[in-house]
Amino acid sequence: MKKSTEDFTEWHRRFAELFEALFSTGYLADYSVKPTHAVRYLPVGEVIEAIPTALPSDRLEDILDHYDKFSIATCQCRSSKKLLGEDCGRMIEVCTAFGDIAVWLANAGKATLASKQDVLEVKAAAEKEGLVTWMFNVSSDTRYNGSCSCCGCCCGALRTITQFNAPGMIAPPHFMPRFDNKTCVYCDKCVKVCPMGALSIVGEGDSRRLLHESVRCIGCGLCAVSYNKSAVAMREMEGYKESRGGWPRYALKNLPNTISNMRSVSAKRKAG
């Protein structure tokens, strides 16, 4: 994390090169065989306003009301890709921190102090570029929380799904899109904006239909605002459980699966 891309050096470029080589082995998939749900994704602002069952925890502005300290830094994932000449060209200064950690990052020269409005404006601009808001999967820990704006091609969390089919670190979404093939005109726009590659058009002529792979979907809602809104509606997932409590509660809840994953990785390395 840095204040801007101008702060990167040759050391950072080399680090990015080494990290990408490690990430490309798919090692993270082994650490999420049993889910830990460390992060979650919020529906984009435009679509969340149309959902009457949305919770305060679904709305970025309501989440930020719990904090009075904010900072903004570069997205680590797109920064790494940029240093390698492989980034998608979208916004990089979108990584935000809330609470005491925001001040610590600013004092360490890794971020720039900002206001709540600054954060909301950055997030709104990011959504217009087709990026989706990532949050730590805790409710309101006032000391440490954060968010970034992700793309399916650069983001490490999303790439665990798009490249390695390992969704364990991402919490199930509150809402999922439902598609009406009778009103769909198969314009392909929702397919193109989906950061997860969860949508495709199959068949030809009158047999065409939109295929939605729900196991890859993070419920961001970009498809619902892409073009033909009458063909897409966001629906609440049955059995959804809102994240509650801060980091201690999260750690206690997920410790068994975390330990199990680590033991499995250790056993595999010893055997290999």
C-alpha atoms as a PDB file:
ATOM      1  CA  MET A   1       0.000   0.000   0.000  1.00  0.00           C
ATOM      2  CA  LYS A   2       1.225   3.475  -0.929  1.00  0.00           C
ATOM      3  CA  LYS A   3      -0.257   6.944  -1.216  1.00  0.00           C
ATOM      4  CA  SER A   4       0.050   6.854  -5.001  1.00  0.00           C
ATOM      5  CA  THR A   5       1.660   4.862  -7.791  1.00  0.00           C
ATOM      6  CA  GLU A   6       4.440   7.479  -7.929  1.00  0.00           C
ATOM      7  CA  ASP A   7       5.803   6.047  -4.683  1.00  0.00           C
ATOM      8  CA  PHE A   8       6.651   2.649  -6.176  1.00  0.00           C
ATOM      9  CA  THR A   9      10.259   1.613  -6.702  1.00  0.00           C
ATOM     10  CA  GLU A  10      12.133  -1.203  -8.422  1.00  0.00           C
ATOM     11  CA  TRP A  11      11.900  -3.125  -5.130  1.00  0.00           C
ATOM     12  CA  HIS A  12       8.100  -3.041  -5.400  1.00  0.00           C
ATOM     13  CA  ARG A  13       8.201  -4.194  -9.008  1.00  0.00           C
ATOM     14  CA  ARG A  14      10.332  -7.177  -8.067  1.00  0.00           C
ATOM     15  CA  PHE A  15       8.099  -7.988  -5.113  1.00  0.00           C
ATOM     16  CA  ALA A  16       5.073  -7.897  -7.405  1.00  0.00           C
ATOM     17  CA  GLU A  17       6.814 -10.245  -9.805  1.00  0.00           C
ATOM     18  CA  LEU A  18       7.590 -12.754  -7.054  1.00  0.00           C
ATOM     19  CA  PHE A  19       4.127 -12.527  -5.536  1.00  0.00           C
ATOM     20  CA  GLU A  20       2.398 -13.073  -8.873  1.00  0.00           C
ATOM     21  CA  ALA A  21       4.526 -16.171  -9.468  1.00  0.00           C
ATOM     22  CA  LEU A  22       3.471 -17.495  -6.047  1.00  0.00           C
ATOM     23  CA  PHE A  23      -0.200 -16.563  -6.485  1.00  0.00           C
ATOM     24  CA  SER A  24      -0.335 -18.258  -9.874  1.00  0.00           C
ATOM     25  CA  THR A  25       0.451 -21.597  -8.258  1.00  0.00           C
ATOM     26  CA  GLY A  26      -3.057 -21.519  -6.793  1.00  0.00           C
ATOM     27  CA  TYR A  27      -1.782 -22.080  -3.267  1.00  0.00           C
ATOM     28  CA  LEU A  28      -4.595 -19.984  -1.737  1.00  0.00           C
ATOM     29  CA  ALA A  29      -7.134 -22.591  -2.809  1.00  0.00           C
ATOM     30  CA  ASP A  30      -5.632 -24.994  -0.281  1.00  0.00           C
ATOM     31  CA  TYR A  31      -6.240 -22.487   2.494  1.00  0.00           C
ATOM     32  CA  SER A  32      -9.942 -22.122   1.704  1.00  0.00           C
ATOM     33  CA  VAL A  33     -11.089 -25.725   1.305  1.00  0.00           C
ATOM     34  CA  LYS A  34     -13.169 -25.146   4.414  1.00  0.00           C
ATOM     35  CA  PRO A  35     -14.731 -21.670   4.224  1.00  0.00           C
ATOM     36  CA  THR A  36     -13.489 -18.819   6.372  1.00  0.00           C
ATOM     37  CA  HIS A  37     -15.563 -16.025   4.779  1.00  0.00           C
ATOM     38  CA  ALA A  38     -13.045 -13.294   5.556  1.00  0.00           C
ATOM     39  CA  VAL A  39     -14.512 -10.802   3.092  1.00  0.00           C
ATOM     40  CA  ARG A  40     -17.855  -9.935   1.546  1.00  0.00           C
ATOM     41  CA  TYR A  41     -19.039  -7.800  -1.350  1.00  0.00           C
ATOM     42  CA  LEU A  42     -21.652  -5.053  -1.218  1.00  0.00           C
ATOM     43  CA  PRO A  43     -24.232  -4.572  -3.967  1.00  0.00           C
ATOM     44  CA  VAL A  44     -23.434  -1.465  -6.021  1.00  0.00           C
ATOM     45  CA  GLY A  45     -25.036   1.731  -4.766  1.00  0.00           C
ATOM     46  CA  GLU A  46     -27.451   2.148  -7.659  1.00  0.00           C
ATOM     47  CA  VAL A  47     -29.012  -1.264  -7.175  1.00  0.00           C
ATOM     48  CA  ILE A  48     -29.078  -1.278  -3.372  1.00  0.00           C
ATOM     49  CA  GLU A  49     -31.359   1.772  -3.330  1.00  0.00           C
ATOM     50  CA  ALA A  50     -34.009  -0.276  -5.144  1.00  0.00           C
ATOM     51  CA  ILE A  51     -33.941  -3.171  -2.653  1.00  0.00           C
ATOM     52  CA  PRO A  52     -36.390  -2.611   0.236  1.00  0.00           C
ATOM     53  CA  THR A  53     -34.960  -5.509   2.287  1.00  0.00           C
ATOM     54  CA  ALA A  54     -31.419  -4.104   2.264  1.00  0.00           C
ATOM     55  CA  LEU A  55     -29.767  -3.865   5.667  1.00  0.00           C
ATOM     56  CA  PRO A  56     -27.505  -1.086   6.988  1.00  0.00           C
ATOM     57  CA  SER A  57     -24.646  -3.583   6.593  1.00  0.00           C
ATOM     58  CA  ASP A  58     -25.408  -3.670   2.843  1.00  0.00           C
ATOM     59  CA  ARG A  59     -24.978   0.092   2.477  1.00  0.00           C
ATOM     60  CA  LEU A  60     -21.505   1.582   2.452  1.00  0.00           C
ATOM     61  CA  GLU A  61     -22.645   4.964   3.768  1.00  0.00           C
ATOM     62  CA  ASP A  62     -24.320   3.345   6.781  1.00  0.00           C
ATOM     63  CA  ILE A  63     -21.230   1.245   7.473  1.00  0.00           C
ATOM     64  CA  LEU A  64     -19.010   4.330   7.416  1.00  0.00           C
ATOM     65  CA  ASP A  65     -21.232   6.051   9.992  1.00  0.00           C
ATOM     66  CA  HIS A  66     -19.525   3.896  12.644  1.00  0.00           C
ATOM     67  CA  TYR A  67     -16.167   5.587  11.995  1.00  0.00           C
ATOM     68  CA  ASP A  68     -14.628   9.040  12.244  1.00  0.00           C
ATOM     69  CA  LYS A  69     -11.172   8.285  10.775  1.00  0.00           C
ATOM     70  CA  PHE A  70     -10.527   7.383   7.144  1.00  0.00           C
ATOM     71  CA  SER A  71      -7.649   7.042   4.725  1.00  0.00           C
ATOM     72  CA  ILE A  72      -7.169   6.176   1.047  1.00  0.00           C
ATOM     73  CA  ALA A  73      -4.300   4.268  -0.559  1.00  0.00           C
ATOM     74  CA  THR A  74      -3.443   2.336  -3.692  1.00  0.00           C
ATOM     75  CA  CYS A  75      -5.104  -1.016  -4.389  1.00  0.00           C
ATOM     76  CA  GLN A  76      -2.410  -3.614  -3.801  1.00  0.00           C
ATOM     77  CA  CYS A  77      -3.749  -5.987  -6.436  1.00  0.00           C
ATOM     78  CA  ARG A  78      -4.015  -3.547  -9.341  1.00  0.00           C
ATOM     79  CA  SER A  79      -0.764  -1.887  -8.251  1.00  0.00           C
ATOM     80  CA  SER A  80       1.008  -5.233  -8.564  1.00  0.00           C
ATOM     81  CA  LYS A  81      -0.489  -5.825 -11.979  1.00  0.00           C
ATOM     82  CA  LYS A  82       0.448  -2.301 -13.079  1.00  0.00           C
ATOM     83  CA  LEU A  83       4.049  -2.846 -12.017  1.00  0.00           C
ATOM     84  CA  LEU A  84       4.036  -5.963 -14.204  1.00  0.00           C
ATOM     85  CA  GLY A  85       2.410  -4.146 -17.129  1.00  0.00           C
ATOM     86  CA  GLU A  86      -0.701  -6.314 -16.827  1.00  0.00           C
ATOM     87  CA  ASP A  87      -3.287  -4.068 -15.132  1.00  0.00           C
ATOM     88  CA  CYS A  88      -6.738  -3.396 -16.570  1.00  0.00           C
ATOM     89  CA  GLY A  89      -6.311   0.396 -16.546  1.00  0.00           C
ATOM     90  CA  ARG A  90      -8.992   1.094 -13.960  1.00  0.00           C
ATOM     91  CA  MET A  91      -8.671   3.222 -10.805  1.00  0.00           C
ATOM     92  CA  ILE A  92      -5.889   2.274  -8.418  1.00  0.00           C
ATOM     93  CA  GLU A  93      -6.235   4.719  -5.505  1.00  0.00           C
ATOM     94  CA  VAL A  94      -9.352   3.016  -4.126  1.00  0.00           C
ATOM     95  CA  CYS A  95      -8.149   1.059  -1.095  1.00  0.00           C
ATOM     96  CA  THR A  96      -9.686   2.591   2.035  1.00  0.00           C
ATOM     97  CA  ALA A  97      -9.224   2.084   5.770  1.00  0.00           C
ATOM     98  CA  PHE A  98     -11.565   3.044   8.615  1.00  0.00           C
ATOM     99  CA  GLY A  99     -10.912   3.544  12.310  1.00  0.00           C
ATOM    100  CA  ASP A 100      -7.570   3.702  14.125  1.00  0.00           C
ATOM    101  CA  ILE A 101      -5.865   1.727  11.348  1.00  0.00           C
ATOM    102  CA  ALA A 102      -6.522   4.638   8.976  1.00  0.00           C
ATOM    103  CA  VAL A 103      -4.361   6.965  11.072  1.00  0.00           C
ATOM    104  CA  TRP A 104      -1.647   4.324  11.507  1.00  0.00           C
ATOM    105  CA  LEU A 105      -1.404   3.814   7.736  1.00  0.00           C
ATOM    106  CA  ALA A 106      -1.244   7.563   7.130  1.00  0.00           C
ATOM    107  CA  ASN A 107       1.487   8.028   9.759  1.00  0.00           C
ATOM    108  CA  ALA A 108       3.436   5.169   8.166  1.00  0.00           C
ATOM    109  CA  GLY A 109       3.304   6.928   4.787  1.00  0.00           C
ATOM    110  CA  LYS A 110       1.150   4.206   3.245  1.00  0.00           C
ATOM    111  CA  ALA A 111      -2.106   6.161   2.879  1.00  0.00           C
ATOM    112  CA  THR A 112      -3.592   9.643   2.824  1.00  0.00           C
ATOM    113  CA  LEU A 113      -6.026  10.784   5.503  1.00  0.00           C
ATOM    114  CA  ALA A 114      -9.476  11.463   4.073  1.00  0.00           C
ATOM    115  CA  SER A 115     -13.048  12.261   5.039  1.00  0.00           C
ATOM    116  CA  LYS A 116     -16.108  10.036   4.855  1.00  0.00           C
ATOM    117  CA  GLN A 117     -17.269  12.016   1.832  1.00  0.00           C
ATOM    118  CA  ASP A 118     -13.909  11.478   0.123  1.00  0.00           C
ATOM    119  CA  VAL A 119     -14.316   7.726   0.559  1.00  0.00           C
ATOM    120  CA  LEU A 120     -17.888   7.743  -0.763  1.00  0.00           C
ATOM    121  CA  GLU A 121     -16.836   9.751  -3.829  1.00  0.00           C
ATOM    122  CA  VAL A 122     -13.947   7.388  -4.571  1.00  0.00           C
ATOM    123  CA  LYS A 123     -16.228   4.366  -4.243  1.00  0.00           C
ATOM    124  CA  ALA A 124     -18.890   5.905  -6.484  1.00  0.00           C
ATOM    125  CA  ALA A 125     -16.291   6.668  -9.162  1.00  0.00           C
ATOM    126  CA  ALA A 126     -14.940   3.122  -8.873  1.00  0.00           C
ATOM    127  CA  GLU A 127     -18.406   1.627  -9.403  1.00  0.00           C
ATOM    128  CA  LYS A 128     -18.766   3.651 -12.597  1.00  0.00           C
ATOM    129  CA  GLU A 129     -15.624   1.890 -13.824  1.00  0.00           C
ATOM    130  CA  GLY A 130     -17.177  -1.495 -13.103  1.00  0.00           C
ATOM    131  CA  LEU A 131     -15.385  -2.124  -9.803  1.00  0.00           C
ATOM    132  CA  VAL A 132     -17.144  -3.697  -6.820  1.00  0.00           C
ATOM    133  CA  THR A 133     -16.806  -2.901  -3.122  1.00  0.00           C
ATOM    134  CA  TRP A 134     -15.046  -5.437  -0.919  1.00  0.00           C
ATOM    135  CA  MET A 135     -15.401  -5.320   2.860  1.00  0.00           C
ATOM    136  CA  PHE A 136     -13.952  -7.279   5.749  1.00  0.00           C
ATOM    137  CA  ASN A 137     -16.692  -9.580   7.002  1.00  0.00           C
ATOM    138  CA  VAL A 138     -17.094  -7.992  10.433  1.00  0.00           C
ATOM    139  CA  SER A 139     -19.816  -5.631  11.550  1.00  0.00           C
ATOM    140  CA  SER A 140     -18.494  -2.515  13.269  1.00  0.00           C
ATOM    141  CA  ASP A 141     -15.051  -2.898  14.781  1.00  0.00           C
ATOM    142  CA  THR A 142     -14.171   0.761  15.261  1.00  0.00           C
ATOM    143  CA  ARG A 143     -10.437   0.085  15.431  1.00  0.00           C
ATOM    144  CA  TYR A 144      -9.799  -1.774  12.219  1.00  0.00           C
ATOM    145  CA  ASN A 145     -11.826  -2.170   9.066  1.00  0.00           C
ATOM    146  CA  GLY A 146     -11.303  -1.484   5.421  1.00  0.00           C
ATOM    147  CA  SER A 147     -12.532  -1.802   1.885  1.00  0.00           C
ATOM    148  CA  CYS A 148     -11.182  -1.944  -1.626  1.00  0.00           C
ATOM    149  CA  SER A 149     -12.786  -1.734  -5.062  1.00  0.00           C
ATOM    150  CA  CYS A 150     -12.173  -4.901  -7.022  1.00  0.00           C
ATOM    151  CA  CYS A 151     -12.061  -6.223 -10.570  1.00  0.00           C
ATOM    152  CA  GLY A 152     -12.168  -9.880 -11.525  1.00  0.00           C
ATOM    153  CA  CYS A 153      -8.912  -9.725 -13.464  1.00  0.00           C
ATOM    154  CA  CYS A 154      -6.545  -8.224 -10.851  1.00  0.00           C
ATOM    155  CA  CYS A 155      -8.122  -8.721  -7.419  1.00  0.00           C
ATOM    156  CA  GLY A 156      -6.562 -11.552  -5.432  1.00  0.00           C
ATOM    157  CA  ALA A 157      -9.814 -12.393  -3.618  1.00  0.00           C
ATOM    158  CA  LEU A 158     -11.889 -12.570  -6.809  1.00  0.00           C
ATOM    159  CA  ARG A 159      -9.175 -14.444  -8.693  1.00  0.00           C
ATOM    160  CA  THR A 160      -9.446 -17.286  -6.186  1.00  0.00           C
ATOM    161  CA  ILE A 161     -12.821 -17.874  -7.854  1.00  0.00           C
ATOM    162  CA  THR A 162     -12.232 -16.775 -11.446  1.00  0.00           C
ATOM    163  CA  GLN A 163      -8.946 -18.709 -11.747  1.00  0.00           C
ATOM    164  CA  PHE A 164      -9.016 -21.391  -9.074  1.00  0.00           C
ATOM    165  CA  ASN A 165     -12.712 -22.018  -8.291  1.00  0.00           C
ATOM    166  CA  ALA A 166     -12.029 -21.585  -4.573  1.00  0.00           C
ATOM    167  CA  PRO A 167     -14.688 -19.277  -3.070  1.00  0.00           C
ATOM    168  CA  GLY A 168     -13.981 -20.164   0.574  1.00  0.00           C
ATOM    169  CA  MET A 169     -12.626 -16.776   1.669  1.00  0.00           C
ATOM    170  CA  ILE A 170     -15.664 -14.877   0.325  1.00  0.00           C
ATOM    171  CA  ALA A 171     -18.918 -14.839   2.305  1.00  0.00           C
ATOM    172  CA  PRO A 172     -22.167 -15.854   0.562  1.00  0.00           C
ATOM    173  CA  PRO A 173     -23.994 -12.800  -0.810  1.00  0.00           C
ATOM    174  CA  HIS A 174     -27.141 -11.325   0.697  1.00  0.00           C
ATOM    175  CA  PHE A 175     -28.703 -10.840  -2.739  1.00  0.00           C
ATOM    176  CA  MET A 176     -28.439 -12.692  -6.034  1.00  0.00           C
ATOM    177  CA  PRO A 177     -29.661 -11.695  -9.491  1.00  0.00           C
ATOM    178  CA  ARG A 178     -32.681 -13.433 -10.983  1.00  0.00           C
ATOM    179  CA  PHE A 179     -33.044 -13.321 -14.759  1.00  0.00           C
ATOM    180  CA  ASP A 180     -36.130 -13.275 -16.948  1.00  0.00           C
ATOM    181  CA  ASN A 181     -35.285 -14.883 -20.271  1.00  0.00           C
ATOM    182  CA  LYS A 182     -38.635 -13.701 -21.672  1.00  0.00           C
ATOM    183  CA  THR A 183     -37.641 -10.030 -21.455  1.00  0.00           C
ATOM    184  CA  CYS A 184     -33.902 -10.496 -22.005  1.00  0.00           C
ATOM    185  CA  VAL A 185     -32.766  -9.190 -25.409  1.00  0.00           C
ATOM    186  CA  TYR A 186     -29.391 -10.987 -25.156  1.00  0.00           C
ATOM    187  CA  CYS A 187     -27.437  -7.782 -25.659  1.00  0.00           C
ATOM    188  CA  ASP A 188     -24.450  -9.325 -23.864  1.00  0.00           C
ATOM    189  CA  LYS A 189     -23.890  -6.225 -21.693  1.00  0.00           C
ATOM    190  CA  CYS A 190     -24.482  -7.973 -18.378  1.00  0.00           C
ATOM    191  CA  VAL A 191     -22.067 -10.706 -19.464  1.00  0.00           C
ATOM    192  CA  LYS A 192     -19.363  -8.149 -20.164  1.00  0.00           C
ATOM    193  CA  VAL A 193     -19.718  -6.255 -16.856  1.00  0.00           C
ATOM    194  CA  CYS A 194     -19.759  -9.349 -14.624  1.00  0.00           C
ATOM    195  CA  PRO A 195     -16.391  -9.395 -12.818  1.00  0.00           C
ATOM    196  CA  MET A 196     -16.726 -13.093 -12.029  1.00  0.00           C
ATOM    197  CA  GLY A 197     -17.466 -14.579 -15.446  1.00  0.00           C
ATOM    198  CA  ALA A 198     -20.664 -15.908 -13.884  1.00  0.00           C
ATOM    199  CA  LEU A 199     -22.842 -15.053 -16.897  1.00  0.00           C
ATOM    200  CA  SER A 200     -22.908 -16.360 -20.442  1.00  0.00           C
ATOM    201  CA  ILE A 201     -25.349 -16.632 -23.323  1.00  0.00           C
ATOM    202  CA  VAL A 202     -25.865 -20.167 -24.568  1.00  0.00           C
ATOM    203  CA  GLY A 203     -27.747 -21.559 -27.535  1.00  0.00           C
ATOM    204  CA  GLU A 204     -28.710 -19.903 -30.801  1.00  0.00           C
ATOM    205  CA  GLY A 205     -31.786 -18.297 -32.310  1.00  0.00           C
ATOM    206  CA  ASP A 206     -34.992 -18.946 -30.388  1.00  0.00           C
ATOM    207  CA  SER A 207     -33.197 -21.353 -28.047  1.00  0.00           C
ATOM    208  CA  ARG A 208     -30.877 -18.704 -26.647  1.00  0.00           C
ATOM    209  CA  ARG A 209     -30.863 -18.189 -22.907  1.00  0.00           C
ATOM    210  CA  LEU A 210     -28.787 -16.471 -20.261  1.00  0.00           C
ATOM    211  CA  LEU A 211     -26.850 -18.864 -18.068  1.00  0.00           C
ATOM    212  CA  HIS A 212     -26.074 -17.765 -14.507  1.00  0.00           C
ATOM    213  CA  GLU A 213     -23.504 -19.756 -12.538  1.00  0.00           C
ATOM    214  CA  SER A 214     -24.547 -18.920  -9.000  1.00  0.00           C
ATOM    215  CA  VAL A 215     -21.496 -20.591  -7.438  1.00  0.00           C
ATOM    216  CA  ARG A 216     -19.320 -17.901  -9.048  1.00  0.00           C
ATOM    217  CA  CYS A 217     -21.628 -14.974  -8.242  1.00  0.00           C
ATOM    218  CA  ILE A 218     -20.773 -12.456  -5.490  1.00  0.00           C
ATOM    219  CA  GLY A 219     -24.096 -10.590  -5.711  1.00  0.00           C
ATOM    220  CA  CYS A 220     -22.557  -7.256  -6.698  1.00  0.00           C
ATOM    221  CA  GLY A 221     -25.504  -6.265  -8.896  1.00  0.00           C
ATOM    222  CA  LEU A 222     -23.497  -4.835 -11.808  1.00  0.00           C
ATOM    223  CA  CYS A 223     -25.597  -6.978 -14.130  1.00  0.00           C
ATOM    224  CA  ALA A 224     -28.783  -5.429 -12.726  1.00  0.00           C
ATOM    225  CA  VAL A 225     -27.733  -1.919 -13.763  1.00  0.00           C
ATOM    226  CA  SER A 226     -25.921  -2.804 -16.984  1.00  0.00           C
ATOM    227  CA  TYR A 227     -28.702  -2.311 -19.537  1.00  0.00           C
ATOM    228  CA  ASN A 228     -32.039  -4.142 -19.633  1.00  0.00           C
ATOM    229  CA  LYS A 229     -33.149  -3.707 -16.034  1.00  0.00           C
ATOM    230  CA  SER A 230     -36.503  -5.383 -16.635  1.00  0.00           C
ATOM    231  CA  ALA A 231     -34.700  -8.666 -17.268  1.00  0.00           C
ATOM    232  CA  VAL A 232     -32.702  -8.655 -14.016  1.00  0.00           C
ATOM    233  CA  ALA A 233     -33.845  -8.302 -10.415  1.00  0.00           C
ATOM    234  CA  MET A 234     -31.874  -8.734  -7.214  1.00  0.00           C
ATOM    235  CA  ARG A 235     -33.504 -11.186  -4.813  1.00  0.00           C
ATOM    236  CA  GLU A 236     -32.711 -11.879  -1.165  1.00  0.00           C
ATOM    237  CA  MET A 237     -31.007 -15.205  -0.526  1.00  0.00           C
ATOM    238  CA  GLU A 238     -32.934 -17.545   1.729  1.00  0.00           C
ATOM    239  CA  GLY A 239     -31.146 -18.267   4.991  1.00  0.00           C
ATOM    240  CA  TYR A 240     -28.746 -15.321   4.719  1.00  0.00           C
ATOM    241  CA  LYS A 241     -27.020 -14.555   8.021  1.00  0.00           C
ATOM    242  CA  GLU A 242     -25.724 -11.062   8.673  1.00  0.00           C
ATOM    243  CA  SER A 243     -22.210 -10.780  10.017  1.00  0.00           C
ATOM    244  CA  ARG A 244     -22.226  -9.639  13.638  1.00  0.00           C
ATOM    245  CA  GLY A 245     -19.496  -8.615  16.047  1.00  0.00           C
ATOM    246  CA  GLY A 246     -15.921  -7.550  15.499  1.00  0.00           C
ATOM    247  CA  TRP A 247     -12.659  -9.358  14.906  1.00  0.00           C
ATOM    248  CA  PRO A 248     -12.662 -11.448  18.139  1.00  0.00           C
ATOM    249  CA  ARG A 249     -16.042 -12.950  17.259  1.00  0.00           C
ATOM    250  CA  TYR A 250     -14.970 -13.536  13.673  1.00  0.00           C
ATOM    251  CA  ALA A 251     -11.764 -15.284  14.805  1.00  0.00           C
ATOM    252  CA  LEU A 252     -13.598 -17.494  17.302  1.00  0.00           C
ATOM    253  CA  LYS A 253     -16.191 -18.524  14.711  1.00  0.00           C
ATOM    254  CA  ASN A 254     -13.701 -19.312  11.946  1.00  0.00           C
ATOM    255  CA  LEU A 255     -10.781 -20.670  13.961  1.00  0.00           C
ATOM    256  CA  PRO A 256     -11.747 -24.364  13.544  1.00  0.00           C
ATOM    257  CA  ASN A 257     -11.868 -24.142   9.728  1.00  0.00           C
ATOM    258  CA  THR A 258      -8.692 -22.050   9.621  1.00  0.00           C
ATOM    259  CA  ILE A 259      -6.797 -24.603  11.685  1.00  0.00           C
ATOM    260  CA  SER A 260      -8.193 -27.466   9.607  1.00  0.00           C
ATOM    261  CA  ASN A 261      -7.043 -25.802   6.385  1.00  0.00           C
ATOM    262  CA  MET A 262      -3.576 -25.150   7.780  1.00  0.00           C
ATOM    263  CA  ARG A 263      -3.216 -28.742   8.963  1.00  0.00           C
ATOM    264  CA  SER A 264      -4.306 -30.004   5.568  1.00  0.00           C
ATOM    265  CA  VAL A 265      -1.733 -27.806   3.821  1.00  0.00           C
ATOM    266  CA  SER A 266       0.991 -28.917   6.254  1.00  0.00           C
ATOM    267  CA  ALA A 267       0.165 -32.586   5.710  1.00  0.00           C
ATOM    268  CA  LYS A 268       0.206 -32.153   1.937  1.00  0.00           C
ATOM    269  CA  ARG A 269       3.640 -30.477   2.045  1.00  0.00           C
ATOM    270  CA  LYS A 270       5.094 -33.210   4.246  1.00  0.00           C
ATOM    271  CA  ALA A 271       3.717 -35.878   1.916  1.00  0.00           C
ATOM    272  CA  GLY A 272       4.910 -34.097  -1.219  1.00  0.00           C
END
